[in-house]
Protein backbone atom coordinates (compact mmCIF):
# COMPACT_ATOMS: atom_id res chain seq x y z
CA MET A 1 0.00 0.00 0.00
CA SER A 2 1.24 3.48 -0.89
CA ALA A 3 0.13 6.95 0.21
CA ILE A 4 -0.06 9.55 -2.54
CA TYR A 5 -0.17 13.14 -1.30
CA VAL A 6 -1.93 15.72 -3.47
CA HIS A 7 -1.57 19.46 -3.07
CA PRO A 8 -1.87 22.13 -5.79
CA GLU A 9 1.04 24.22 -4.43
CA HIS A 10 3.11 22.14 -1.99
CA ALA A 11 6.54 21.37 -3.46
CA GLY A 12 6.78 18.07 -1.61
CA ALA A 13 3.47 16.72 -2.91
CA ASP A 14 3.42 13.58 -5.04
CA ALA A 15 0.90 15.21 -7.39
CA ALA A 16 -0.52 18.69 -7.94
CA THR A 17 -3.87 17.46 -9.25
CA LEU A 18 -6.35 14.82 -8.23
CA SER A 19 -6.48 13.57 -11.81
CA THR A 20 -2.72 12.82 -11.72
CA ALA A 21 -2.90 11.17 -8.29
CA LEU A 22 -5.79 8.92 -9.31
CA ALA A 23 -3.93 7.89 -12.47
CA MET A 24 -0.98 6.89 -10.29
CA ALA A 25 -3.02 5.00 -7.68
CA GLN A 26 -3.15 1.21 -7.52
CA GLU A 27 -5.52 -1.04 -5.59
CA GLY A 28 -4.88 -0.63 -1.87
CA ASP A 29 -3.39 2.86 -2.17
CA VAL A 30 -4.58 5.92 -0.25
CA VAL A 31 -4.78 9.30 -1.95
CA LEU A 32 -4.35 12.04 0.68
CA VAL A 33 -5.86 15.30 -0.53
CA GLY A 34 -4.47 18.50 0.92
CA PRO A 35 -6.48 21.68 1.51
CA GLY A 36 -7.47 23.59 -1.59
CA VAL A 37 -9.97 23.90 -4.43
CA TYR A 38 -9.62 21.27 -7.14
CA SER A 39 -11.35 22.02 -10.45
CA PRO A 40 -10.77 22.04 -14.22
CA SER A 41 -9.93 25.76 -14.35
CA ARG A 42 -7.89 26.01 -11.12
CA THR A 43 -5.88 22.80 -11.08
CA GLY A 44 -6.50 21.27 -14.51
CA GLU A 45 -8.70 18.42 -13.29
CA VAL A 46 -10.19 16.14 -15.93
CA LEU A 47 -13.77 15.24 -15.03
CA PRO A 48 -15.21 12.92 -14.05
CA LEU A 49 -12.61 12.05 -11.44
CA ARG A 50 -12.64 8.24 -11.42
CA ILE A 51 -11.52 6.55 -8.21
CA PRO A 52 -9.85 3.26 -9.17
CA THR A 53 -10.76 -0.13 -7.75
CA GLY A 54 -9.76 -0.51 -4.11
CA VAL A 55 -8.44 3.05 -3.72
CA ALA A 56 -9.30 5.34 -0.78
CA VAL A 57 -9.41 9.11 -1.26
CA GLU A 58 -9.13 10.94 2.06
CA GLY A 59 -9.48 14.70 2.13
CA ALA A 60 -8.30 17.19 4.72
CA GLY A 61 -11.92 17.94 5.72
CA SER A 62 -14.98 18.95 3.72
CA GLU A 63 -14.67 22.58 4.85
CA ARG A 64 -11.08 22.84 3.53
CA CYS A 65 -10.86 20.36 0.66
CA ILE A 66 -13.22 21.20 -2.22
CA VAL A 67 -13.76 19.49 -5.55
CA ASP A 68 -15.60 21.93 -7.84
CA GLY A 69 -17.36 20.56 -10.93
CA GLU A 70 -17.74 24.04 -12.47
CA ARG A 71 -21.24 23.11 -13.78
CA LEU A 72 -19.90 20.42 -16.13
CA PHE A 73 -22.43 17.78 -17.35
CA GLU A 74 -26.23 17.74 -17.55
CA PRO A 75 -29.06 15.68 -16.04
CA SER A 76 -29.79 12.40 -17.81
CA PHE A 77 -32.72 10.01 -18.05
CA GLY A 78 -33.59 6.80 -19.90
CA PRO A 79 -30.98 5.80 -18.82
CA ILE A 80 -29.66 7.90 -15.97
CA ARG A 81 -25.89 7.88 -16.44
CA PRO A 82 -23.61 7.48 -13.40
CA ASP A 83 -20.62 8.81 -15.35
CA LEU A 84 -22.17 12.29 -15.68
CA ALA A 85 -20.80 13.12 -12.24
CA VAL A 86 -17.94 15.08 -10.74
CA VAL A 87 -16.63 11.93 -9.01
CA VAL A 88 -17.22 8.33 -10.15
CA LEU A 89 -16.62 5.58 -7.59
CA GLY A 90 -14.80 2.33 -8.34
CA ASP A 91 -15.36 -1.08 -6.77
CA GLY A 92 -14.07 -1.21 -3.20
CA SER A 93 -13.31 2.52 -3.24
CA ARG A 94 -13.80 5.02 -0.44
CA LEU A 95 -14.24 8.79 -0.50
CA SER A 96 -14.03 10.84 2.69
CA GLY A 97 -13.28 14.33 3.99
CA VAL A 98 -14.04 16.40 0.87
CA GLU A 99 -16.76 18.66 -0.45
CA VAL A 100 -17.99 17.75 -3.93
CA THR A 101 -19.84 20.73 -5.32
CA ASN A 102 -21.21 22.53 -8.33
CA GLY A 103 -21.65 19.75 -10.89
CA GLY A 104 -24.15 20.17 -13.70
CA GLY A 105 -25.12 16.49 -13.42
CA HIS A 106 -24.55 14.38 -10.30
CA GLY A 107 -22.08 15.05 -7.56
CA ILE A 108 -21.03 11.40 -7.11
CA GLY A 109 -21.91 8.49 -9.40
CA ALA A 110 -21.65 4.75 -8.73
CA PRO A 111 -21.89 2.35 -11.69
CA PRO A 112 -23.49 -1.11 -11.51
CA SER A 113 -22.08 -4.00 -9.44
CA ILE A 114 -19.62 -2.02 -7.28
CA SER A 115 -19.30 -1.72 -3.51
CA ALA A 116 -18.16 1.66 -2.21
CA THR A 117 -18.25 3.99 0.80
CA VAL A 118 -18.77 7.75 1.03
CA GLN A 119 -18.13 9.15 4.50
CA ASP A 120 -17.89 12.60 6.12
CA CYS A 121 -18.27 14.46 2.83
CA ALA A 122 -20.35 17.46 1.77
CA ILE A 123 -22.30 17.04 -1.48
CA THR A 124 -23.72 20.38 -2.56
CA ARG A 125 -25.27 22.40 -5.38
CA HIS A 126 -25.48 19.86 -8.20
CA GLY A 127 -27.81 20.13 -11.17
CA ASP A 128 -29.08 16.56 -10.83
CA HIS A 129 -28.64 14.07 -7.96
CA GLY A 130 -26.21 14.61 -5.13
CA VAL A 131 -25.31 10.90 -5.25
CA PHE A 132 -26.56 8.48 -7.93
CA LEU A 133 -26.25 4.76 -7.19
CA CYS A 134 -26.91 2.58 -10.24
CA GLY A 135 -27.43 -1.08 -9.41
CA VAL A 136 -24.66 -1.29 -6.85
CA ASP A 137 -23.67 -4.40 -4.95
CA GLN A 138 -23.42 -2.33 -1.77
CA ALA A 139 -23.17 1.38 -1.02
CA VAL A 140 -22.52 2.86 2.42
CA ILE A 141 -23.13 6.59 2.82
CA VAL A 142 -22.42 7.84 6.34
CA GLY A 143 -21.97 11.13 8.14
CA CYS A 144 -22.34 13.33 5.05
CA THR A 145 -23.97 16.71 4.53
CA PHE A 146 -26.19 17.29 1.48
CA ARG A 147 -27.40 20.74 0.46
CA ASP A 148 -29.25 22.30 -2.47
CA ASN A 149 -29.12 19.52 -5.07
CA GLY A 150 -31.34 19.23 -8.15
CA LEU A 151 -30.74 22.86 -9.08
CA LYS A 152 -31.64 22.27 -12.75
CA ARG A 153 -35.14 21.16 -11.67
CA PHE A 154 -35.21 18.41 -14.29
CA ARG A 155 -38.58 16.83 -15.12
CA PRO A 156 -38.11 13.88 -17.49
CA SER A 157 -41.01 12.56 -19.54
CA LEU A 158 -42.26 9.01 -18.89
CA PRO A 159 -43.31 6.61 -21.66
CA ARG A 160 -46.93 6.66 -20.53
CA GLY A 161 -46.91 10.35 -19.78
CA THR A 162 -48.18 9.64 -16.27
CA GLY A 163 -47.35 11.50 -13.11
CA SER A 164 -45.23 14.58 -12.61
CA PRO A 165 -41.70 13.23 -12.15
CA GLN A 166 -39.06 15.30 -10.42
CA GLN A 167 -35.41 14.39 -10.70
CA GLY A 168 -32.85 15.91 -8.39
CA HIS A 169 -32.63 13.86 -5.19
CA GLN A 170 -30.00 14.08 -2.49
CA ILE A 171 -29.43 10.32 -2.92
CA PHE A 172 -31.05 8.44 -5.79
CA ALA A 173 -30.63 4.67 -5.98
CA GLU A 174 -31.80 2.62 -8.94
CA ALA A 175 -32.11 -1.15 -8.41
CA ARG A 176 -30.79 -3.30 -11.25
CA HIS A 177 -31.40 -6.95 -12.13
CA GLY A 178 -28.64 -9.35 -11.12
CA GLN A 179 -27.16 -7.06 -8.46
CA ARG A 180 -27.43 -7.22 -4.66
CA ASN A 181 -28.66 -3.60 -4.54
CA ARG A 182 -27.90 -3.11 -0.84
CA LEU A 183 -27.76 0.35 0.75
CA VAL A 184 -26.74 1.57 4.19
CA ILE A 185 -27.52 5.28 4.64
CA ALA A 186 -26.84 6.58 8.14
CA ASP A 187 -26.21 9.76 10.13
CA ASN A 188 -26.45 12.15 7.16
CA THR A 189 -27.93 15.64 7.16
CA MET A 190 -29.88 16.75 4.09
CA HIS A 191 -31.35 20.17 3.41
CA GLY A 192 -33.00 21.48 0.26
CA CYS A 193 -33.34 19.54 -3.00
CA PHE A 194 -35.74 19.51 -5.94
CA ALA A 195 -37.17 16.02 -5.34
CA ASP A 196 -36.62 13.65 -2.38
CA GLY A 197 -33.95 13.26 0.25
CA VAL A 198 -33.52 9.55 -0.47
CA ALA A 199 -35.25 7.62 -3.28
CA PHE A 200 -34.80 3.88 -3.98
CA VAL A 201 -36.75 2.53 -6.97
CA CYS A 202 -36.80 -0.07 -9.74
CA PHE A 203 -37.51 1.30 -13.21
CA TYR A 204 -39.51 -0.21 -16.08
CA PRO A 205 -36.67 -1.44 -18.38
CA GLU A 206 -35.43 -4.00 -15.83
CA PRO A 207 -36.13 -7.76 -16.20
CA ASP A 208 -38.41 -9.36 -13.63
CA GLY A 209 -37.25 -10.56 -10.25
CA VAL A 210 -35.15 -7.68 -8.92
CA THR A 211 -34.31 -7.86 -5.20
CA PHE A 212 -33.12 -4.84 -3.25
CA GLU A 213 -32.82 -3.66 0.32
CA ALA A 214 -31.92 -0.59 2.35
CA THR A 215 -31.23 0.32 5.96
CA ILE A 216 -31.78 4.03 6.49
CA VAL A 217 -31.13 5.25 10.04
CA ARG A 218 -30.61 8.48 11.99
CA ASN A 219 -30.69 10.83 9.00
CA THR A 220 -32.17 14.32 9.04
CA VAL A 221 -34.01 15.23 5.84
CA GLU A 222 -35.63 18.63 5.58
CA ALA A 223 -36.98 21.15 3.07
CA SER A 224 -37.09 18.74 0.12
CA GLY A 225 -39.14 19.86 -2.89
CA ARG A 226 -41.18 16.67 -2.75
CA GLY A 227 -40.52 14.27 0.14
CA GLY A 228 -38.15 12.91 2.72
CA LEU A 229 -37.87 9.21 1.79
CA LEU A 230 -39.35 7.49 -1.29
CA PHE A 231 -39.43 3.74 -1.97
CA ALA A 232 -40.94 2.02 -5.02
CA CYS A 233 -40.81 -1.76 -5.39
CA SER A 234 -41.68 -1.67 -9.11
CA PHE A 235 -42.33 0.85 -11.85
CA GLY A 236 -42.59 -1.99 -14.36
CA PRO A 237 -41.00 -5.39 -13.59
CA SER A 238 -42.89 -8.25 -11.96
CA ALA A 239 -41.86 -10.49 -9.05
CA ASN A 240 -39.57 -7.90 -7.46
CA HIS A 241 -38.86 -7.95 -3.72
CA GLN A 242 -37.91 -4.78 -1.85
CA ARG A 243 -36.98 -4.77 1.86
CA ILE A 244 -36.74 -1.46 3.72
CA VAL A 245 -35.86 -0.53 7.30
CA ALA A 246 -36.09 3.20 8.07
CA THR A 247 -35.65 4.06 11.74
CA GLY A 248 -34.61 6.99 13.88
CA ASN A 249 -34.80 9.55 11.07
CA VAL A 250 -35.98 13.16 11.38
CA LEU A 251 -38.13 14.20 8.41
CA ARG A 252 -39.03 17.86 8.64
CA ASP A 253 -40.80 20.44 6.46
CA ASN A 254 -40.71 18.50 3.21
CA ARG A 255 -43.20 19.79 0.67
CA GLN A 256 -45.43 16.72 0.17
CA TYR A 257 -44.64 13.87 2.58
CA GLY A 258 -42.20 12.51 5.12
CA ILE A 259 -42.13 8.91 3.80
CA GLN A 260 -43.83 7.42 0.75
CA ALA A 261 -43.82 3.71 -0.10
CA VAL A 262 -45.22 2.37 -3.39
CA VAL A 263 -45.63 -1.33 -4.13
CA ALA A 264 -46.36 -1.20 -7.87
CA SER A 265 -47.05 1.55 -10.40
CA PRO A 266 -46.70 1.12 -14.18
CA HIS A 267 -44.68 3.87 -15.85
CA ALA A 268 -44.36 1.90 -19.10
CA ASP A 269 -44.96 -1.59 -20.46
CA PRO A 270 -44.82 -4.18 -18.99
CA VAL A 271 -47.33 -3.94 -16.14
CA PRO A 272 -46.02 -4.97 -12.69
CA ARG A 273 -47.51 -8.11 -11.14
CA GLY A 274 -46.61 -10.24 -8.16
CA ASN A 275 -44.27 -7.74 -6.50
CA ARG A 276 -43.63 -7.70 -2.76
CA LEU A 277 -42.63 -4.84 -0.47
CA ASP A 278 -41.59 -5.47 3.15
CA ALA A 279 -41.05 -2.26 5.11
CA LEU A 280 -40.50 -1.20 8.71
CA PHE A 281 -40.84 2.50 9.53
CA ALA A 282 -40.05 2.88 13.22
CA ALA A 283 -39.15 5.59 15.73
CA ASN A 284 -38.98 8.36 13.13
CA GLU A 285 -39.81 11.98 13.96
CA ILE A 286 -41.95 13.41 11.17
CA VAL A 287 -42.91 17.06 11.53
CA GLY A 288 -44.29 19.74 9.23
CA ASN A 289 -44.95 17.59 6.14
CA PRO A 290 -48.50 17.72 4.70
CA ILE A 291 -48.63 13.89 4.88
CA GLY A 292 -46.46 12.07 7.40
CA ILE A 293 -46.35 8.53 5.97
CA PHE A 294 -48.09 7.61 2.70
CA VAL A 295 -48.35 3.95 1.68
CA ARG A 296 -49.69 3.11 -1.79
CA GLY A 297 -50.40 -0.42 -2.93
CA ALA A 298 -50.97 -0.65 -6.68
CA GLY A 299 -51.92 1.77 -9.42
CA GLY A 300 -53.13 1.37 -12.97
CA GLU A 301 -53.60 -2.17 -14.30
CA CYS A 302 -51.40 -3.81 -11.64
CA ARG A 303 -52.48 -7.17 -10.21
CA GLN A 304 -51.55 -9.45 -7.32
CA ASN A 305 -48.96 -7.20 -5.69
CA VAL A 306 -48.43 -7.46 -1.92
CA GLY A 307 -47.16 -5.01 0.67
CA ASP A 308 -46.35 -5.77 4.32
CA VAL A 309 -45.72 -2.53 6.20
CA VAL A 310 -45.15 -1.97 9.92
CA ILE A 311 -45.42 1.62 11.17
CA ASP A 312 -44.32 1.62 14.81
CA ARG A 313 -43.35 4.18 17.47
CA ASN A 314 -43.18 7.15 15.11
CA THR A 315 -43.96 10.68 16.27
CA ILE A 316 -45.90 12.44 13.54
CA SER A 317 -47.25 15.97 13.68
CA THR A 318 -48.98 17.61 10.73
CA THR A 319 -51.32 20.54 10.26
CA GLU A 320 -52.56 19.39 6.82
CA ARG A 321 -54.12 16.20 5.49
CA HIS A 322 -53.11 13.06 7.42
CA ALA A 323 -50.35 11.83 9.68
CA ILE A 324 -50.70 8.42 8.00
CA ARG A 325 -52.44 7.70 4.69
CA VAL A 326 -52.88 4.21 3.23
CA VAL A 327 -54.57 3.34 -0.08
CA GLY A 328 -54.59 -0.21 -1.37
CA ALA A 329 -55.21 0.52 -5.05
CA ILE A 330 -55.61 3.55 -7.28
CA GLY A 331 -57.69 3.13 -10.42
CA VAL A 332 -56.82 4.69 -13.76
CA ASP A 333 -59.23 5.50 -16.60
CA GLY A 334 -59.85 2.59 -18.96
CA VAL A 335 -57.98 -0.14 -17.06
CA GLU A 336 -58.60 -2.70 -14.31
CA THR A 337 -56.75 -2.69 -10.98
CA ALA A 338 -57.38 -5.95 -9.15
CA ASP A 339 -56.39 -8.41 -6.43
CA ASN A 340 -53.69 -6.37 -4.71
CA VAL A 341 -53.11 -6.73 -0.95
CA LEU A 342 -51.68 -4.37 1.64
CA ARG A 343 -51.11 -5.62 5.18
CA VAL A 344 -50.43 -2.68 7.49
CA ALA A 345 -49.78 -2.61 11.24
CA LEU A 346 -49.95 0.75 13.05
CA SER A 347 -48.67 0.50 16.60
CA ARG A 348 -47.50 2.83 19.37
CA ASN A 349 -47.33 5.91 17.16
CA VAL A 350 -47.90 9.38 18.61
CA LEU A 351 -50.04 11.33 16.17
CA SER A 352 -51.16 14.95 16.35
CA GLY A 353 -52.57 17.59 14.07
CA SER A 354 -55.54 17.56 11.72
CA LEU A 355 -58.27 14.91 11.91
CA PRO A 356 -58.60 12.22 10.86
CA ALA A 357 -54.99 11.53 11.71
CA VAL A 358 -55.12 8.19 9.87
CA ALA A 359 -57.01 7.62 6.60
CA ILE A 360 -57.22 4.05 5.24
CA GLN A 361 -58.97 3.23 1.96
CA ALA A 362 -59.00 -0.02 -0.01
CA ALA A 363 -59.37 1.59 -3.43
CA ALA A 364 -59.61 5.04 -4.95
CA SER A 365 -61.05 5.27 -8.45
CA VAL A 366 -61.53 7.84 -11.17
CA PRO A 367 -64.37 7.81 -13.72
CA GLY A 368 -63.80 5.06 -16.27
CA SER A 369 -61.56 2.93 -14.03
CA THR A 370 -62.32 -0.51 -12.61
CA THR A 371 -61.05 -1.67 -9.22
CA HIS A 372 -62.01 -4.92 -7.51
CA GLY A 373 -60.59 -7.49 -5.10
CA ASN A 374 -58.13 -5.04 -3.57
CA VAL A 375 -57.72 -5.52 0.18
CA VAL A 376 -56.13 -3.57 3.00
CA SER A 377 -55.66 -5.68 6.15
CA LEU A 378 -55.19 -3.34 9.12
CA ARG A 379 -54.03 -3.68 12.74
CA LEU A 380 -54.38 -0.74 15.15
CA LEU A 381 -52.54 -1.11 18.46
CA GLU A 382 -51.78 1.42 21.23
CA ASN A 383 -51.47 4.55 19.08
CA ALA A 384 -51.72 7.86 20.93
CA VAL A 385 -53.94 10.41 19.19
CA GLY A 386 -55.62 13.72 19.94
CA GLY A 387 -59.35 13.14 20.36
CA ALA A 388 -61.39 9.95 20.30
CA PRO A 389 -60.12 7.04 18.17
CA GLU A 390 -63.36 7.17 16.19
CA GLN A 391 -62.36 10.66 15.06
CA ALA A 392 -58.70 9.88 14.55
CA PHE A 393 -58.96 6.66 12.47
CA ALA A 394 -61.13 6.76 9.33
CA VAL A 395 -61.64 3.65 7.23
CA SER A 396 -63.36 3.26 3.86
CA ASP A 397 -63.63 0.44 1.34
CA GLY A 398 -63.80 3.08 -1.36
CA SER A 399 -64.99 1.65 -4.68
CA GLU A 400 -67.41 -1.27 -4.53
CA GLY A 401 -65.77 -4.68 -4.62
CA ASN A 402 -62.78 -3.68 -2.47
CA ARG A 403 -62.47 -3.85 1.30
CA VAL A 404 -60.56 -2.83 4.41
CA GLU A 405 -60.37 -5.60 7.00
CA VAL A 406 -59.60 -4.35 10.52
CA GLU A 407 -58.32 -6.88 13.04
CA ALA A 408 -60.57 -7.12 16.07
CA GLY A 409 -59.35 -6.19 19.54
CA GLY A 410 -57.40 -3.08 18.60
CA GLN A 411 -58.36 0.58 18.78
CA GLY A 412 -61.65 2.10 17.85
CA TYR A 413 -62.19 3.64 14.42
CA SER A 414 -64.95 4.97 12.19
CA ARG A 415 -66.04 3.34 8.93
CA THR A 416 -67.67 5.26 6.12
CA SER A 417 -68.64 4.70 2.49
CA GLU A 418 -67.16 8.09 1.56
CA ASP A 419 -63.71 8.87 0.19
CA VAL A 420 -61.51 9.52 3.25
CA LEU A 421 -58.34 10.42 1.37
CA GLY A 422 -59.32 14.04 0.71
């Protein structure tokens, strides 16, 4: 193992530019980055800076060691390209102690199949994602600060023209077929982005049977343009399996929601079937978001998708809409949404704000849509709410032929034939 010292002005440095040092580095080497600003115009850097396999890059501290992308690159979609980034990670690489700023595309990109770590960095002011993880084996992102990413406010078009996509997340992870797709995201602080703090999804071009998992703990996500955390098991493939644990996070003042989980939603052909989402959302503090936690089963012509979601010991305060909103299926004009199942347990949460605090509906339909056989199975245990449980928990089957089944012996609730989603 060798240490390669980089400094733009120090006569005793091994290299004056990061580009030179990375070209010199071999697997097992450590590149030590001295204080300074490293960029194409100041130090002659050639972007993207590619960290070789098994190389660690250790900066002198994110407040003193700055890698400036000088607005190079643009957002990308269909596919999203990990190489349109200021820094591209290699397999077994590690990046720590630097600020990566001012890229026109992503701040940091990770190509498929690699394992890499980003620690104690600042990732700021990029046009697209702060960090883009593309079908990684494993990515660990710990102790970093994210600020003001998604500055180009990119809205790509989807094949079906559905939804209003926003691209420009603090961390965006795309699950790919044949990869382990494992994330550990812990102890980061995120403020201000165009879309979500963390998003982990599987897009429509992937083959069926993608598996992916994330552990997301003790992060603070605030002032996102859309939400705090977003998870989507499938935007197209069938037989996917997504496992999520999100605990101990603070999700504050995000524009639409604190956490959103989606089992299946078709953004293109094919239509997702037989997907499974297993999620635990526990001990999170969710404050100032219009919706605290939003769980969606299936949309469009999706069939036979299953979600198992436990929402436990969260503190949720909201002055708009609902602390927790669950909808088993969402109909779309001209298609049939059928036989999807959501099993949801709500336990020991502390909920305050507008009433009803919890809105559960088996199916929501629009004129011309058909929904049937969609089921939400619900457990309500020891949640603390303002007002009587019958005011706090509202349940509706929604469209005829769908149902919410509430386990006996839990808390009181009210049932209505009206739309409770608002």
